[in-house]
Amino acid sequence: MAIICGGVVEKDGKYLLVQESKTKCYGKWCLPAGHLDIGETLFEGAIREIKEETNCDVELTGICEIDNQRRQDDIFASFVFATNLLTDTVKPQAGEILAAEWFTYEEAIVLGDQLRAPEWIISALTNYRDGKIMPLDFIDITTKKEVQ
């Protein structure tokens, strides 16, 4: 099972998408997101993944999508956060990301099958656009003792 975390990054009515270079999804557009690392909180993972893939610094402002995807050989839980853009010097991650570009909502929707996971991405963007954003405290990130 994998946990995916990332975010919707918006600037001037446009959303930042990244173009994947991995063989299984080469050329597909996606939200900046990736696998949660051992020892990270969901918040830390989302901020790190966005920074790694786009070079942008963000702060998380809410949750706009929680999803579960079943695949033939795996299962994914994903958390997409609404963000506030702090620095926007966009530079795609060499070797991982082919490009990072800004799209209007309409332009992103038209990408259709060029999106890595169309339903997931469109749902997150729609929720963000429509203000369907849960507060961050909906997710309990604590420093409680590690569960054995």
Protein backbone atom coordinates (compact mmCIF):
# COMPACT_ATOMS: atom_id res chain seq x y z
CA MET A 1 0.00 0.00 0.00
CA ALA A 2 1.24 3.45 -0.86
CA ILE A 3 0.28 6.81 0.59
CA ILE A 4 0.38 9.67 -1.90
CA CYS A 5 0.41 13.31 -0.85
CA GLY A 6 0.64 16.54 -2.77
CA GLY A 7 -1.25 19.69 -3.49
CA VAL A 8 -3.18 22.04 -5.67
CA VAL A 9 -0.93 25.03 -6.34
CA GLU A 10 -2.79 28.05 -7.74
CA LYS A 11 -1.58 31.41 -8.99
CA ASP A 12 -3.65 34.05 -10.77
CA GLY A 13 -6.44 31.58 -11.56
CA LYS A 14 -4.08 28.94 -12.98
CA TYR A 15 -3.04 25.59 -11.53
CA LEU A 16 0.46 24.12 -11.58
CA LEU A 17 0.70 20.66 -13.15
CA VAL A 18 3.82 18.57 -13.70
CA GLN A 19 4.57 16.31 -16.64
CA GLU A 20 5.84 12.88 -15.60
CA SER A 21 8.99 11.24 -16.94
CA LYS A 22 8.45 7.78 -15.40
CA THR A 23 8.09 5.03 -18.01
CA LYS A 24 4.63 3.88 -16.81
CA CYS A 25 3.17 7.39 -17.10
CA TYR A 26 5.58 9.15 -19.44
CA GLY A 27 4.29 12.51 -20.67
CA LYS A 28 1.16 12.48 -18.47
CA TRP A 29 0.26 15.61 -16.48
CA CYS A 30 -0.32 15.38 -12.75
CA LEU A 31 -0.65 17.43 -9.62
CA PRO A 32 2.70 17.80 -7.84
CA ALA A 33 2.54 14.77 -5.55
CA GLY A 34 4.36 11.62 -4.58
CA HIS A 35 4.88 8.90 -2.03
CA LEU A 36 4.98 9.67 1.67
CA ASP A 37 8.36 8.75 3.15
CA ILE A 38 8.77 6.73 6.34
CA GLY A 39 8.80 9.06 9.33
CA GLU A 40 7.04 11.96 7.59
CA THR A 41 3.66 13.43 8.43
CA LEU A 42 1.20 13.91 5.57
CA PHE A 43 1.85 17.65 5.83
CA GLU A 44 5.64 17.28 5.61
CA GLY A 45 5.34 14.85 2.69
CA ALA A 46 3.05 17.13 0.69
CA ILE A 47 5.28 20.18 1.18
CA ARG A 48 8.40 18.15 0.29
CA GLU A 49 6.87 16.60 -2.84
CA ILE A 50 5.65 19.96 -4.15
CA LYS A 51 9.09 21.49 -3.54
CA GLU A 52 10.93 18.55 -5.13
CA GLU A 53 8.79 18.46 -8.27
CA THR A 54 8.29 22.18 -8.87
CA ASN A 55 10.86 24.09 -6.75
CA CYS A 56 7.95 26.04 -5.24
CA ASP A 57 7.55 26.69 -1.54
CA VAL A 58 4.00 26.40 -0.22
CA GLU A 59 2.09 26.37 3.00
CA LEU A 60 -0.86 24.03 3.35
CA THR A 61 -4.22 25.70 3.91
CA GLY A 62 -6.70 22.83 3.79
CA ILE A 63 -7.57 19.44 2.35
CA CYS A 64 -9.33 19.33 -1.01
CA GLU A 65 -9.26 15.61 -1.80
CA ILE A 66 -8.89 12.31 0.03
CA ASP A 67 -9.04 9.31 -2.26
CA ASN A 68 -8.54 5.58 -2.40
CA GLN A 69 -7.47 3.91 -5.63
CA ARG A 70 -7.43 0.18 -6.17
CA ARG A 71 -5.07 -1.30 -8.70
CA GLN A 72 -4.57 -4.89 -9.75
CA ASP A 73 -1.44 -5.28 -7.63
CA ASP A 74 -1.62 -2.43 -5.12
CA ILE A 75 -3.79 0.04 -3.27
CA PHE A 76 -3.22 3.78 -2.84
CA ALA A 77 -4.54 6.31 -0.37
CA SER A 78 -4.02 9.89 -1.49
CA PHE A 79 -4.27 13.26 0.23
CA VAL A 80 -4.37 16.44 -1.85
CA PHE A 81 -3.94 19.70 0.02
CA ALA A 82 -4.96 23.23 -0.87
CA THR A 83 -1.91 25.46 -0.71
CA ASN A 84 -0.80 29.04 -0.46
CA LEU A 85 2.09 29.74 -2.84
CA LEU A 86 5.05 31.33 -1.06
CA THR A 87 7.71 31.23 -3.80
CA ASP A 88 7.01 30.55 -7.46
CA THR A 89 10.36 30.05 -9.13
CA VAL A 90 9.11 27.02 -11.06
CA LYS A 91 11.86 24.60 -12.04
CA PRO A 92 10.93 20.97 -12.83
CA GLN A 93 12.86 18.26 -10.97
CA ALA A 94 15.57 16.97 -13.33
CA GLY A 95 15.21 13.29 -14.14
CA GLU A 96 11.73 13.03 -12.61
CA ILE A 97 9.65 15.77 -14.20
CA LEU A 98 9.69 16.78 -17.89
CA ALA A 99 7.89 20.10 -17.43
CA ALA A 100 5.88 22.15 -14.96
CA GLU A 101 3.26 24.49 -16.41
CA TRP A 102 0.31 26.63 -15.32
CA PHE A 103 -3.15 25.71 -16.66
CA THR A 104 -6.55 27.31 -16.24
CA TYR A 105 -9.22 25.00 -14.86
CA GLU A 106 -10.72 24.67 -18.34
CA GLU A 107 -7.33 23.89 -19.94
CA ALA A 108 -6.66 21.20 -17.33
CA ILE A 109 -10.05 19.57 -17.90
CA VAL A 110 -9.48 19.48 -21.67
CA LEU A 111 -6.25 17.49 -21.12
CA GLY A 112 -8.48 14.46 -20.38
CA ASP A 113 -6.48 11.28 -20.98
CA GLN A 114 -3.26 13.29 -20.98
CA LEU A 115 -3.77 13.51 -17.20
CA ARG A 116 -2.17 10.74 -15.14
CA ALA A 117 -5.33 10.10 -13.13
CA PRO A 118 -8.05 12.25 -14.71
CA GLU A 119 -10.87 11.70 -12.18
CA TRP A 120 -8.56 12.31 -9.20
CA ILE A 121 -6.97 15.46 -10.62
CA ILE A 122 -10.23 16.95 -11.89
CA SER A 123 -11.96 16.23 -8.58
CA ALA A 124 -9.18 17.93 -6.60
CA LEU A 125 -9.15 20.97 -8.91
CA THR A 126 -12.95 21.21 -8.85
CA ASN A 127 -13.07 21.01 -5.06
CA TYR A 128 -10.38 23.69 -4.82
CA ARG A 129 -12.13 25.96 -7.33
CA ASP A 130 -15.49 25.50 -5.61
CA GLY A 131 -14.07 26.11 -2.14
CA LYS A 132 -14.78 22.56 -0.95
CA ILE A 133 -11.79 22.52 1.36
CA MET A 134 -11.68 20.83 4.75
CA PRO A 135 -9.65 22.43 7.53
CA LEU A 136 -6.20 21.01 8.20
CA ASP A 137 -7.16 19.96 11.71
CA PHE A 138 -9.46 17.37 10.10
CA ILE A 139 -6.26 15.27 10.00
CA ASP A 140 -4.68 14.60 13.38
CA ILE A 141 -0.93 15.18 13.04
CA THR A 142 0.52 14.71 16.46
CA THR A 143 3.78 13.82 18.09
CA LYS A 144 2.18 10.98 20.02
CA LYS A 145 4.32 8.00 20.95
CA GLU A 146 4.96 5.69 18.02
CA VAL A 147 2.47 2.84 17.75
CA GLN A 148 4.05 -0.58 18.18
